[in-house]
């Protein structure tokens, strides 16, 4: 089995839709730390699991954006992780850190 991971930092704003009072329902931003994990039993014709630049292209769709305008779900760190995982071939796990100590992980 071959494994790769890619770490990317992006900036993005969001406002959460919550059923309780929270300052996070106001528009605010984070410098998000994203790590994408992929695996494959065999490499592609180029000798890769997934091209690192393709992973960057997917994640960069969120960079300097209002995530409410990009995602069709409440843009929590958990939903952001899943959104990325669903768009990267051979991805099995994504970690999204929105601030120090606050990390969400989605794993297939």
PDB file of N, CA and C in Angstrom:
ATOM      1  N   UNK A   1       0.855  -1.177   0.000  1.00  0.00           N
ATOM      2  CA  UNK A   1       0.000   0.000   0.000  1.00  0.00           C
ATOM      3  C   UNK A   1       0.897   1.236   0.000  1.00  0.00           C
ATOM      4  N   UNK A   2       0.532   2.214  -0.817  1.00  0.00           N
ATOM      5  CA  UNK A   2       1.237   3.483  -0.879  1.00  0.00           C
ATOM      6  C   UNK A   2       0.399   4.543  -0.171  1.00  0.00           C
ATOM      7  N   UNK A   3       1.048   5.382   0.598  1.00  0.00           N
ATOM      8  CA  UNK A   3       0.373   6.449   1.330  1.00  0.00           C
ATOM      9  C   UNK A   3       1.052   7.777   1.024  1.00  0.00           C
ATOM     10  N   UNK A   4       0.252   8.828   0.884  1.00  0.00           N
ATOM     11  CA  UNK A   4       0.782  10.185   0.769  1.00  0.00           C
ATOM     12  C   UNK A   4      -0.058  11.106   1.648  1.00  0.00           C
ATOM     13  N   UNK A   5       0.521  12.234   1.993  1.00  0.00           N
ATOM     14  CA  UNK A   5      -0.260  13.286   2.644  1.00  0.00           C
ATOM     15  C   UNK A   5       0.252  14.628   2.163  1.00  0.00           C
ATOM     16  N   UNK A   6      -0.628  15.607   2.185  1.00  0.00           N
ATOM     17  CA  UNK A   6      -0.277  16.968   1.770  1.00  0.00           C
ATOM     18  C   UNK A   6      -0.871  17.927   2.780  1.00  0.00           C
ATOM     19  N   UNK A   7      -0.039  18.853   3.261  1.00  0.00           N
ATOM     20  CA  UNK A   7      -0.484  19.901   4.171  1.00  0.00           C
ATOM     21  C   UNK A   7      -0.594  21.211   3.407  1.00  0.00           C
ATOM     22  N   UNK A   8      -1.680  21.911   3.625  1.00  0.00           N
ATOM     23  CA  UNK A   8      -1.945  23.181   2.942  1.00  0.00           C
ATOM     24  C   UNK A   8      -2.568  24.141   3.947  1.00  0.00           C
ATOM     25  N   UNK A   9      -2.159  25.399   3.898  1.00  0.00           N
ATOM     26  CA  UNK A   9      -2.805  26.432   4.702  1.00  0.00           C
ATOM     27  C   UNK A   9      -3.630  27.308   3.774  1.00  0.00           C
ATOM     28  N   UNK A  10      -4.869  27.558   4.172  1.00  0.00           N
ATOM     29  CA  UNK A  10      -5.739  28.444   3.410  1.00  0.00           C
ATOM     30  C   UNK A  10      -6.373  29.449   4.369  1.00  0.00           C
ATOM     31  N   UNK A  11      -6.850  30.536   3.819  1.00  0.00           N
ATOM     32  CA  UNK A  11      -7.595  31.526   4.585  1.00  0.00           C
ATOM     33  C   UNK A  11      -9.029  31.502   4.084  1.00  0.00           C
ATOM     34  N   UNK A  12      -9.960  31.541   5.005  1.00  0.00           N
ATOM     35  CA  UNK A  12     -11.355  31.530   4.591  1.00  0.00           C
ATOM     36  C   UNK A  12     -12.260  32.015   5.702  1.00  0.00           C
ATOM     37  N   UNK A  13     -13.385  32.569   5.313  1.00  0.00           N
ATOM     38  CA  UNK A  13     -14.380  33.049   6.268  1.00  0.00           C
ATOM     39  C   UNK A  13     -15.607  32.149   6.224  1.00  0.00           C
ATOM     40  N   UNK A  14     -16.335  32.156   7.317  1.00  0.00           N
ATOM     41  CA  UNK A  14     -17.606  31.436   7.361  1.00  0.00           C
ATOM     42  C   UNK A  14     -18.458  31.996   8.485  1.00  0.00           C
ATOM     43  N   UNK A  15     -19.724  31.688   8.416  1.00  0.00           N
ATOM     44  CA  UNK A  15     -20.634  31.942   9.530  1.00  0.00           C
ATOM     45  C   UNK A  15     -21.429  30.659   9.698  1.00  0.00           C
ATOM     46  N   UNK A  16     -21.459  30.179  10.906  1.00  0.00           N
ATOM     47  CA  UNK A  16     -22.114  28.908  11.167  1.00  0.00           C
ATOM     48  C   UNK A  16     -23.599  29.107  11.441  1.00  0.00           C
ATOM     49  N   UNK A  17     -24.373  28.143  11.027  1.00  0.00           N
ATOM     50  CA  UNK A  17     -25.800  28.118  11.304  1.00  0.00           C
ATOM     51  C   UNK A  17     -25.987  27.158  12.471  1.00  0.00           C
ATOM     52  N   UNK A  18     -26.276  27.708  13.649  1.00  0.00           N
ATOM     53  CA  UNK A  18     -26.350  26.913  14.871  1.00  0.00           C
ATOM     54  C   UNK A  18     -27.707  27.067  15.529  1.00  0.00           C
ATOM     55  N   UNK A  19     -28.081  26.071  16.304  1.00  0.00           N
ATOM     56  CA  UNK A  19     -29.364  26.139  17.011  1.00  0.00           C
ATOM     57  C   UNK A  19     -29.181  26.620  18.447  1.00  0.00           C
ATOM     58  N   UNK A  20     -28.096  27.322  18.713  1.00  0.00           N
ATOM     59  CA  UNK A  20     -27.826  27.930  20.014  1.00  0.00           C
ATOM     60  C   UNK A  20     -27.057  29.231  19.787  1.00  0.00           C
ATOM     61  N   UNK A  21     -27.050  30.118  20.784  1.00  0.00           N
ATOM     62  CA  UNK A  21     -26.334  31.383  20.666  1.00  0.00           C
ATOM     63  C   UNK A  21     -24.833  31.150  20.663  1.00  0.00           C
ATOM     64  N   UNK A  22     -24.168  31.769  19.697  1.00  0.00           N
ATOM     65  CA  UNK A  22     -22.721  31.637  19.597  1.00  0.00           C
ATOM     66  C   UNK A  22     -22.189  32.782  18.749  1.00  0.00           C
ATOM     67  N   UNK A  23     -21.027  33.321  19.100  1.00  0.00           N
ATOM     68  CA  UNK A  23     -20.432  34.341  18.236  1.00  0.00           C
ATOM     69  C   UNK A  23     -20.048  33.789  16.862  1.00  0.00           C
ATOM     70  N   UNK A  24     -19.993  32.470  16.727  1.00  0.00           N
ATOM     71  CA  UNK A  24     -19.625  31.852  15.445  1.00  0.00           C
ATOM     72  C   UNK A  24     -20.726  31.961  14.401  1.00  0.00           C
ATOM     73  N   UNK A  25     -21.894  32.447  14.793  1.00  0.00           N
ATOM     74  CA  UNK A  25     -22.938  32.685  13.795  1.00  0.00           C
ATOM     75  C   UNK A  25     -22.694  33.991  13.051  1.00  0.00           C
ATOM     76  N   UNK A  26     -21.743  34.794  13.532  1.00  0.00           N
ATOM     77  CA  UNK A  26     -21.319  36.002  12.827  1.00  0.00           C
ATOM     78  C   UNK A  26     -20.214  35.624  11.840  1.00  0.00           C
ATOM     79  N   UNK A  27     -20.127  36.380  10.762  1.00  0.00           N
ATOM     80  CA  UNK A  27     -19.069  36.151   9.782  1.00  0.00           C
ATOM     81  C   UNK A  27     -17.714  36.369  10.443  1.00  0.00           C
ATOM     82  N   UNK A  28     -16.825  35.386  10.308  1.00  0.00           N
ATOM     83  CA  UNK A  28     -15.474  35.464  10.860  1.00  0.00           C
ATOM     84  C   UNK A  28     -14.556  34.574  10.035  1.00  0.00           C
ATOM     85  N   UNK A  29     -13.263  34.750  10.201  1.00  0.00           N
ATOM     86  CA  UNK A  29     -12.333  33.993   9.379  1.00  0.00           C
ATOM     87  C   UNK A  29     -11.311  33.226  10.185  1.00  0.00           C
ATOM     88  N   UNK A  30     -10.645  32.309   9.493  1.00  0.00           N
ATOM     89  CA  UNK A  30      -9.589  31.487  10.076  1.00  0.00           C
ATOM     90  C   UNK A  30      -8.487  31.313   9.037  1.00  0.00           C
ATOM     91  N   UNK A  31      -7.298  31.027   9.521  1.00  0.00           N
ATOM     92  CA  UNK A  31      -6.243  30.479   8.688  1.00  0.00           C
ATOM     93  C   UNK A  31      -6.281  28.979   8.943  1.00  0.00           C
ATOM     94  N   UNK A  32      -6.890  28.265   8.026  1.00  0.00           N
ATOM     95  CA  UNK A  32      -7.150  26.845   8.170  1.00  0.00           C
ATOM     96  C   UNK A  32      -5.899  26.040   7.819  1.00  0.00           C
ATOM     97  N   UNK A  33      -5.593  25.044   8.624  1.00  0.00           N
ATOM     98  CA  UNK A  33      -4.521  24.092   8.335  1.00  0.00           C
ATOM     99  C   UNK A  33      -5.199  22.800   7.883  1.00  0.00           C
ATOM    100  N   UNK A  34      -4.957  22.407   6.653  1.00  0.00           N
ATOM    101  CA  UNK A  34      -5.609  21.235   6.083  1.00  0.00           C
ATOM    102  C   UNK A  34      -4.549  20.183   5.784  1.00  0.00           C
ATOM    103  N   UNK A  35      -4.829  18.930   6.155  1.00  0.00           N
ATOM    104  CA  UNK A  35      -3.961  17.829   5.753  1.00  0.00           C
ATOM    105  C   UNK A  35      -4.823  16.764   5.095  1.00  0.00           C
ATOM    106  N   UNK A  36      -4.407  16.374   3.892  1.00  0.00           N
ATOM    107  CA  UNK A  36      -5.141  15.412   3.073  1.00  0.00           C
ATOM    108  C   UNK A  36      -4.314  14.128   3.006  1.00  0.00           C
ATOM    109  N   UNK A  37      -4.963  12.999   3.278  1.00  0.00           N
ATOM    110  CA  UNK A  37      -4.308  11.689   3.277  1.00  0.00           C
ATOM    111  C   UNK A  37      -4.917  10.818   2.182  1.00  0.00           C
ATOM    112  N   UNK A  38      -4.062  10.217   1.356  1.00  0.00           N
ATOM    113  CA  UNK A  38      -4.522   9.348   0.269  1.00  0.00           C
ATOM    114  C   UNK A  38      -3.733   8.050   0.304  1.00  0.00           C
ATOM    115  N   UNK A  39      -4.352   6.999  -0.255  1.00  0.00           N
ATOM    116  CA  UNK A  39      -3.650   5.718  -0.341  1.00  0.00           C
ATOM    117  C   UNK A  39      -4.111   4.966  -1.574  1.00  0.00           C
ATOM    118  N   UNK A  40      -3.227   4.097  -2.070  1.00  0.00           N
ATOM    119  CA  UNK A  40      -3.562   3.264  -3.221  1.00  0.00           C
ATOM    120  C   UNK A  40      -2.681   2.020  -3.185  1.00  0.00           C
ATOM    121  N   UNK A  41      -3.260   0.925  -3.643  1.00  0.00           N
ATOM    122  CA  UNK A  41      -2.485  -0.313  -3.710  1.00  0.00           C
ATOM    123  C   UNK A  41      -1.494  -0.287  -4.861  1.00  0.00           C
ATOM    124  N   UNK A  42      -1.846   0.454  -5.918  1.00  0.00           N
ATOM    125  CA  UNK A  42      -0.967   0.556  -7.078  1.00  0.00           C
ATOM    126  C   UNK A  42      -0.828   2.022  -7.463  1.00  0.00           C
ATOM    127  N   UNK A  43       0.305   2.366  -8.019  1.00  0.00           N
ATOM    128  CA  UNK A  43       0.542   3.718  -8.481  1.00  0.00           C
ATOM    129  C   UNK A  43      -0.032   3.905  -9.882  1.00  0.00           C
ATOM    130  N   UNK A  44      -0.339   5.141 -10.234  1.00  0.00           N
ATOM    131  CA  UNK A  44      -0.855   5.405 -11.577  1.00  0.00           C
ATOM    132  C   UNK A  44       0.288   5.357 -12.598  1.00  0.00           C
ATOM    133  N   UNK A  45      -0.016   5.657 -13.835  1.00  0.00           N
ATOM    134  CA  UNK A  45       0.981   5.598 -14.913  1.00  0.00           C
ATOM    135  C   UNK A  45       2.166   6.534 -14.684  1.00  0.00           C
ATOM    136  N   UNK A  46       1.976   7.536 -13.844  1.00  0.00           N
ATOM    137  CA  UNK A  46       3.036   8.493 -13.554  1.00  0.00           C
ATOM    138  C   UNK A  46       3.818   8.133 -12.291  1.00  0.00           C
ATOM    139  N   UNK A  47       3.483   7.006 -11.685  1.00  0.00           N
ATOM    140  CA  UNK A  47       4.165   6.594 -10.466  1.00  0.00           C
ATOM    141  C   UNK A  47       3.682   7.311  -9.225  1.00  0.00           C
ATOM    142  N   UNK A  48       2.406   7.749  -9.235  1.00  0.00           N
ATOM    143  CA  UNK A  48       1.847   8.522  -8.124  1.00  0.00           C
ATOM    144  C   UNK A  48       0.574   7.884  -7.585  1.00  0.00           C
ATOM    145  N   UNK A  49       0.279   8.168  -6.326  1.00  0.00           N
ATOM    146  CA  UNK A  49      -1.041   7.870  -5.769  1.00  0.00           C
ATOM    147  C   UNK A  49      -2.003   8.924  -6.305  1.00  0.00           C
ATOM    148  N   UNK A  50      -1.699  10.180  -6.050  1.00  0.00           N
ATOM    149  CA  UNK A  50      -2.425  11.344  -6.568  1.00  0.00           C
ATOM    150  C   UNK A  50      -1.385  12.450  -6.716  1.00  0.00           C
ATOM    151  N   UNK A  51      -1.463  13.212  -7.767  1.00  0.00           N
ATOM    152  CA  UNK A  51      -0.547  14.325  -7.944  1.00  0.00           C
ATOM    153  C   UNK A  51      -0.804  15.362  -6.843  1.00  0.00           C
ATOM    154  N   UNK A  52       0.261  15.773  -6.139  1.00  0.00           N
ATOM    155  CA  UNK A  52       0.116  16.752  -5.071  1.00  0.00           C
ATOM    156  C   UNK A  52      -0.517  18.047  -5.576  1.00  0.00           C
ATOM    157  N   UNK A  53      -0.235  18.411  -6.818  1.00  0.00           N
ATOM    158  CA  UNK A  53      -0.804  19.650  -7.347  1.00  0.00           C
ATOM    159  C   UNK A  53      -2.317  19.529  -7.518  1.00  0.00           C
ATOM    160  N   UNK A  54      -2.828  18.335  -7.786  1.00  0.00           N
ATOM    161  CA  UNK A  54      -4.276  18.162  -7.888  1.00  0.00           C
ATOM    162  C   UNK A  54      -4.927  18.362  -6.524  1.00  0.00           C
ATOM    163  N   UNK A  55      -4.301  17.821  -5.486  1.00  0.00           N
ATOM    164  CA  UNK A  55      -4.821  18.023  -4.130  1.00  0.00           C
ATOM    165  C   UNK A  55      -4.874  19.519  -3.827  1.00  0.00           C
ATOM    166  N   UNK A  56      -3.815  20.232  -4.182  1.00  0.00           N
ATOM    167  CA  UNK A  56      -3.784  21.683  -3.968  1.00  0.00           C
ATOM    168  C   UNK A  56      -4.912  22.381  -4.710  1.00  0.00           C
ATOM    169  N   UNK A  57      -5.177  21.969  -5.948  1.00  0.00           N
ATOM    170  CA  UNK A  57      -6.253  22.584  -6.734  1.00  0.00           C
ATOM    171  C   UNK A  57      -7.600  22.440  -6.036  1.00  0.00           C
ATOM    172  N   UNK A  58      -7.859  21.268  -5.484  1.00  0.00           N
ATOM    173  CA  UNK A  58      -9.138  21.038  -4.795  1.00  0.00           C
ATOM    174  C   UNK A  58      -9.238  21.927  -3.565  1.00  0.00           C
ATOM    175  N   UNK A  59      -8.215  21.892  -2.727  1.00  0.00           N
ATOM    176  CA  UNK A  59      -8.260  22.647  -1.475  1.00  0.00           C
ATOM    177  C   UNK A  59      -8.276  24.144  -1.740  1.00  0.00           C
ATOM    178  N   UNK A  60      -7.539  24.598  -2.740  1.00  0.00           N
ATOM    179  CA  UNK A  60      -7.456  26.025  -3.039  1.00  0.00           C
ATOM    180  C   UNK A  60      -8.783  26.607  -3.523  1.00  0.00           C
ATOM    181  N   UNK A  61      -9.750  25.756  -3.858  1.00  0.00           N
ATOM    182  CA  UNK A  61     -11.087  26.253  -4.195  1.00  0.00           C
ATOM    183  C   UNK A  61     -11.728  26.944  -2.998  1.00  0.00           C
ATOM    184  N   UNK A  62     -11.200  26.677  -1.802  1.00  0.00           N
ATOM    185  CA  UNK A  62     -11.731  27.269  -0.574  1.00  0.00           C
ATOM    186  C   UNK A  62     -10.928  28.485  -0.111  1.00  0.00           C
ATOM    187  N   UNK A  63      -9.775  28.717  -0.712  1.00  0.00           N
ATOM    188  CA  UNK A  63      -8.859  29.754  -0.241  1.00  0.00           C
ATOM    189  C   UNK A  63      -9.390  31.156  -0.532  1.00  0.00           C
ATOM    190  N   UNK A  64      -9.368  32.001   0.490  1.00  0.00           N
ATOM    191  CA  UNK A  64      -9.815  33.386   0.404  1.00  0.00           C
ATOM    192  C   UNK A  64     -11.255  33.496  -0.102  1.00  0.00           C
ATOM    193  N   UNK A  65     -12.083  32.595   0.373  1.00  0.00           N
ATOM    194  CA  UNK A  65     -13.503  32.577   0.003  1.00  0.00           C
ATOM    195  C   UNK A  65     -14.357  32.628   1.263  1.00  0.00           C
ATOM    196  N   UNK A  66     -15.603  33.011   1.073  1.00  0.00           N
ATOM    197  CA  UNK A  66     -16.613  32.809   2.111  1.00  0.00           C
ATOM    198  C   UNK A  66     -17.117  31.389   1.914  1.00  0.00           C
ATOM    199  N   UNK A  67     -16.820  30.519   2.834  1.00  0.00           N
ATOM    200  CA  UNK A  67     -17.112  29.095   2.663  1.00  0.00           C
ATOM    201  C   UNK A  67     -18.607  28.818   2.581  1.00  0.00           C
ATOM    202  N   UNK A  68     -19.428  29.701   3.100  1.00  0.00           N
ATOM    203  CA  UNK A  68     -20.875  29.552   2.950  1.00  0.00           C
ATOM    204  C   UNK A  68     -21.284  29.615   1.485  1.00  0.00           C
ATOM    205  N   UNK A  69     -20.492  30.313   0.667  1.00  0.00           N
ATOM    206  CA  UNK A  69     -20.799  30.439  -0.755  1.00  0.00           C
ATOM    207  C   UNK A  69     -20.298  29.255  -1.572  1.00  0.00           C
ATOM    208  N   UNK A  70     -19.399  28.460  -1.011  1.00  0.00           N
ATOM    209  CA  UNK A  70     -18.797  27.340  -1.738  1.00  0.00           C
ATOM    210  C   UNK A  70     -19.441  26.009  -1.357  1.00  0.00           C
ATOM    211  N   UNK A  71     -19.617  25.780  -0.080  1.00  0.00           N
ATOM    212  CA  UNK A  71     -20.183  24.513   0.389  1.00  0.00           C
ATOM    213  C   UNK A  71     -21.701  24.578   0.390  1.00  0.00           C
ATOM    214  N   UNK A  72     -22.326  23.451   0.130  1.00  0.00           N
ATOM    215  CA  UNK A  72     -23.788  23.394   0.160  1.00  0.00           C
ATOM    216  C   UNK A  72     -24.301  22.869   1.495  1.00  0.00           C
ATOM    217  N   UNK A  73     -23.427  22.856   2.511  1.00  0.00           N
ATOM    218  CA  UNK A  73     -23.771  22.453   3.869  1.00  0.00           C
ATOM    219  C   UNK A  73     -23.227  23.494   4.831  1.00  0.00           C
ATOM    220  N   UNK A  74     -23.624  23.424   6.089  1.00  0.00           N
ATOM    221  CA  UNK A  74     -23.095  24.305   7.121  1.00  0.00           C
ATOM    222  C   UNK A  74     -21.568  24.159   7.142  1.00  0.00           C
ATOM    223  N   UNK A  75     -20.808  25.236   6.949  1.00  0.00           N
ATOM    224  CA  UNK A  75     -19.363  25.121   6.765  1.00  0.00           C
ATOM    225  C   UNK A  75     -18.577  24.933   8.069  1.00  0.00           C
ATOM    226  N   UNK A  76     -18.912  23.894   8.804  1.00  0.00           N
ATOM    227  CA  UNK A  76     -18.137  23.525   9.987  1.00  0.00           C
ATOM    228  C   UNK A  76     -16.831  22.876   9.532  1.00  0.00           C
ATOM    229  N   UNK A  77     -15.870  22.799  10.419  1.00  0.00           N
ATOM    230  CA  UNK A  77     -14.604  22.132  10.087  1.00  0.00           C
ATOM    231  C   UNK A  77     -14.859  20.688   9.674  1.00  0.00           C
ATOM    232  N   UNK A  78     -15.820  20.038  10.317  1.00  0.00           N
ATOM    233  CA  UNK A  78     -16.152  18.651   9.982  1.00  0.00           C
ATOM    234  C   UNK A  78     -16.670  18.534   8.550  1.00  0.00           C
ATOM    235  N   UNK A  79     -17.565  19.439   8.172  1.00  0.00           N
ATOM    236  CA  UNK A  79     -18.111  19.395   6.812  1.00  0.00           C
ATOM    237  C   UNK A  79     -17.080  19.806   5.768  1.00  0.00           C
ATOM    238  N   UNK A  80     -16.184  20.706   6.115  1.00  0.00           N
ATOM    239  CA  UNK A  80     -15.114  21.083   5.196  1.00  0.00           C
ATOM    240  C   UNK A  80     -14.219  19.874   4.930  1.00  0.00           C
ATOM    241  N   UNK A  81     -13.879  19.141   5.982  1.00  0.00           N
ATOM    242  CA  UNK A  81     -13.035  17.945   5.826  1.00  0.00           C
ATOM    243  C   UNK A  81     -13.696  16.939   4.893  1.00  0.00           C
ATOM    244  N   UNK A  82     -14.979  16.709   5.080  1.00  0.00           N
ATOM    245  CA  UNK A  82     -15.688  15.745   4.220  1.00  0.00           C
ATOM    246  C   UNK A  82     -15.745  16.246   2.775  1.00  0.00           C
ATOM    247  N   UNK A  83     -16.027  17.534   2.583  1.00  0.00           N
ATOM    248  CA  UNK A  83     -16.113  18.122   1.241  1.00  0.00           C
ATOM    249  C   UNK A  83     -14.813  17.885   0.477  1.00  0.00           C
ATOM    250  N   UNK A  84     -13.681  18.113   1.135  1.00  0.00           N
ATOM    251  CA  UNK A  84     -12.378  17.899   0.492  1.00  0.00           C
ATOM    252  C   UNK A  84     -12.183  16.420   0.183  1.00  0.00           C
ATOM    253  N   UNK A  85     -12.458  15.564   1.142  1.00  0.00           N
ATOM    254  CA  UNK A  85     -12.235  14.123   0.975  1.00  0.00           C
ATOM    255  C   UNK A  85     -13.018  13.564  -0.201  1.00  0.00           C
ATOM    256  N   UNK A  86     -14.223  14.056  -0.393  1.00  0.00           N
ATOM    257  CA  UNK A  86     -15.076  13.558  -1.479  1.00  0.00           C
ATOM    258  C   UNK A  86     -14.582  13.985  -2.862  1.00  0.00           C
ATOM    259  N   UNK A  87     -13.682  14.956  -2.932  1.00  0.00           N
ATOM    260  CA  UNK A  87     -13.242  15.498  -4.215  1.00  0.00           C
ATOM    261  C   UNK A  87     -11.826  15.099  -4.619  1.00  0.00           C
ATOM    262  N   UNK A  88     -11.104  14.437  -3.735  1.00  0.00           N
ATOM    263  CA  UNK A  88      -9.726  14.034  -4.034  1.00  0.00           C
ATOM    264  C   UNK A  88      -9.695  12.522  -4.238  1.00  0.00           C
ATOM    265  N   UNK A  89      -9.224  12.060  -5.382  1.00  0.00           N
ATOM    266  CA  UNK A  89      -9.152  10.615  -5.625  1.00  0.00           C
ATOM    267  C   UNK A  89      -8.247   9.921  -4.594  1.00  0.00           C
ATOM    268  N   UNK A  90      -8.647   8.750  -4.202  1.00  0.00           N
ATOM    269  CA  UNK A  90      -7.905   7.903  -3.263  1.00  0.00           C
ATOM    270  C   UNK A  90      -7.782   8.507  -1.873  1.00  0.00           C
ATOM    271  N   UNK A  91      -8.522   9.576  -1.589  1.00  0.00           N
ATOM    272  CA  UNK A  91      -8.468  10.195  -0.264  1.00  0.00           C
ATOM    273  C   UNK A  91      -9.267   9.342   0.711  1.00  0.00           C
ATOM    274  N   UNK A  92      -8.687   9.102   1.865  1.00  0.00           N
ATOM    275  CA  UNK A  92      -9.397   8.341   2.899  1.00  0.00           C
ATOM    276  C   UNK A  92      -9.535   9.127   4.199  1.00  0.00           C
ATOM    277  N   UNK A  93      -8.809  10.260   4.316  1.00  0.00           N
ATOM    278  CA  UNK A  93      -8.887  11.035   5.558  1.00  0.00           C
ATOM    279  C   UNK A  93      -8.455  12.469   5.291  1.00  0.00           C
ATOM    280  N   UNK A  94      -9.147  13.405   5.959  1.00  0.00           N
ATOM    281  CA  UNK A  94      -8.774  14.816   5.891  1.00  0.00           C
ATOM    282  C   UNK A  94      -8.869  15.395   7.295  1.00  0.00           C
ATOM    283  N   UNK A  95      -7.857  16.142   7.658  1.00  0.00           N
ATOM    284  CA  UNK A  95      -7.814  16.857   8.929  1.00  0.00           C
ATOM    285  C   UNK A  95      -7.914  18.346   8.641  1.00  0.00           C
ATOM    286  N   UNK A  96      -8.790  19.040   9.371  1.00  0.00           N
ATOM    287  CA  UNK A  96      -8.969  20.484   9.199  1.00  0.00           C
ATOM    288  C   UNK A  96      -8.844  21.141  10.570  1.00  0.00           C
ATOM    289  N   UNK A  97      -7.846  22.009  10.697  1.00  0.00           N
ATOM    290  CA  UNK A  97      -7.657  22.758  11.935  1.00  0.00           C
ATOM    291  C   UNK A  97      -8.078  24.189  11.680  1.00  0.00           C
ATOM    292  N   UNK A  98      -9.086  24.658  12.435  1.00  0.00           N
ATOM    293  CA  UNK A  98      -9.558  26.021  12.223  1.00  0.00           C
ATOM    294  C   UNK A  98      -8.862  27.007  13.144  1.00  0.00           C
ATOM    295  N   UNK A  99      -8.381  26.555  14.274  1.00  0.00           N
ATOM    296  CA  UNK A  99      -7.605  27.382  15.191  1.00  0.00           C
ATOM    297  C   UNK A  99      -6.829  26.437  16.103  1.00  0.00           C
ATOM    298  N   UNK A 100      -5.878  26.977  16.831  1.00  0.00           N
ATOM    299  CA  UNK A 100      -5.035  26.144  17.684  1.00  0.00           C
ATOM    300  C   UNK A 100      -5.887  25.288  18.608  1.00  0.00           C
ATOM    301  N   UNK A 101      -5.690  23.998  18.523  1.00  0.00           N
ATOM    302  CA  UNK A 101      -6.408  23.079  19.403  1.00  0.00           C
ATOM    303  C   UNK A 101      -7.772  22.632  18.910  1.00  0.00           C
ATOM    304  N   UNK A 102      -8.254  23.200  17.810  1.00  0.00           N
ATOM    305  CA  UNK A 102      -9.577  22.836  17.275  1.00  0.00           C
ATOM    306  C   UNK A 102      -9.401  22.154  15.928  1.00  0.00           C
ATOM    307  N   UNK A 103      -9.468  20.841  15.943  1.00  0.00           N
ATOM    308  CA  UNK A 103      -9.208  20.029  14.745  1.00  0.00           C
ATOM    309  C   UNK A 103     -10.380  19.086  14.517  1.00  0.00           C
ATOM    310  N   UNK A 104     -10.828  19.028  13.267  1.00  0.00           N
ATOM    311  CA  UNK A 104     -11.855  18.066  12.864  1.00  0.00           C
ATOM    312  C   UNK A 104     -11.230  17.104  11.862  1.00  0.00           C
ATOM    313  N   UNK A 105     -11.591  15.835  11.979  1.00  0.00           N
ATOM    314  CA  UNK A 105     -11.078  14.815  11.068  1.00  0.00           C
ATOM    315  C   UNK A 105     -12.249  14.054  10.474  1.00  0.00           C
ATOM    316  N   UNK A 106     -12.221  13.929   9.147  1.00  0.00           N
ATOM    317  CA  UNK A 106     -13.192  13.076   8.456  1.00  0.00           C
ATOM    318  C   UNK A 106     -12.412  11.901   7.879  1.00  0.00           C
ATOM    319  N   UNK A 107     -12.891  10.697   8.123  1.00  0.00           N
ATOM    320  CA  UNK A 107     -12.258   9.499   7.600  1.00  0.00           C
ATOM    321  C   UNK A 107     -13.327   8.593   6.994  1.00  0.00           C
ATOM    322  N   UNK A 108     -13.053   8.127   5.785  1.00  0.00           N
ATOM    323  CA  UNK A 108     -13.989   7.210   5.111  1.00  0.00           C
ATOM    324  C   UNK A 108     -13.975   5.876   5.810  1.00  0.00           C
TER     325      UNK A 108
END
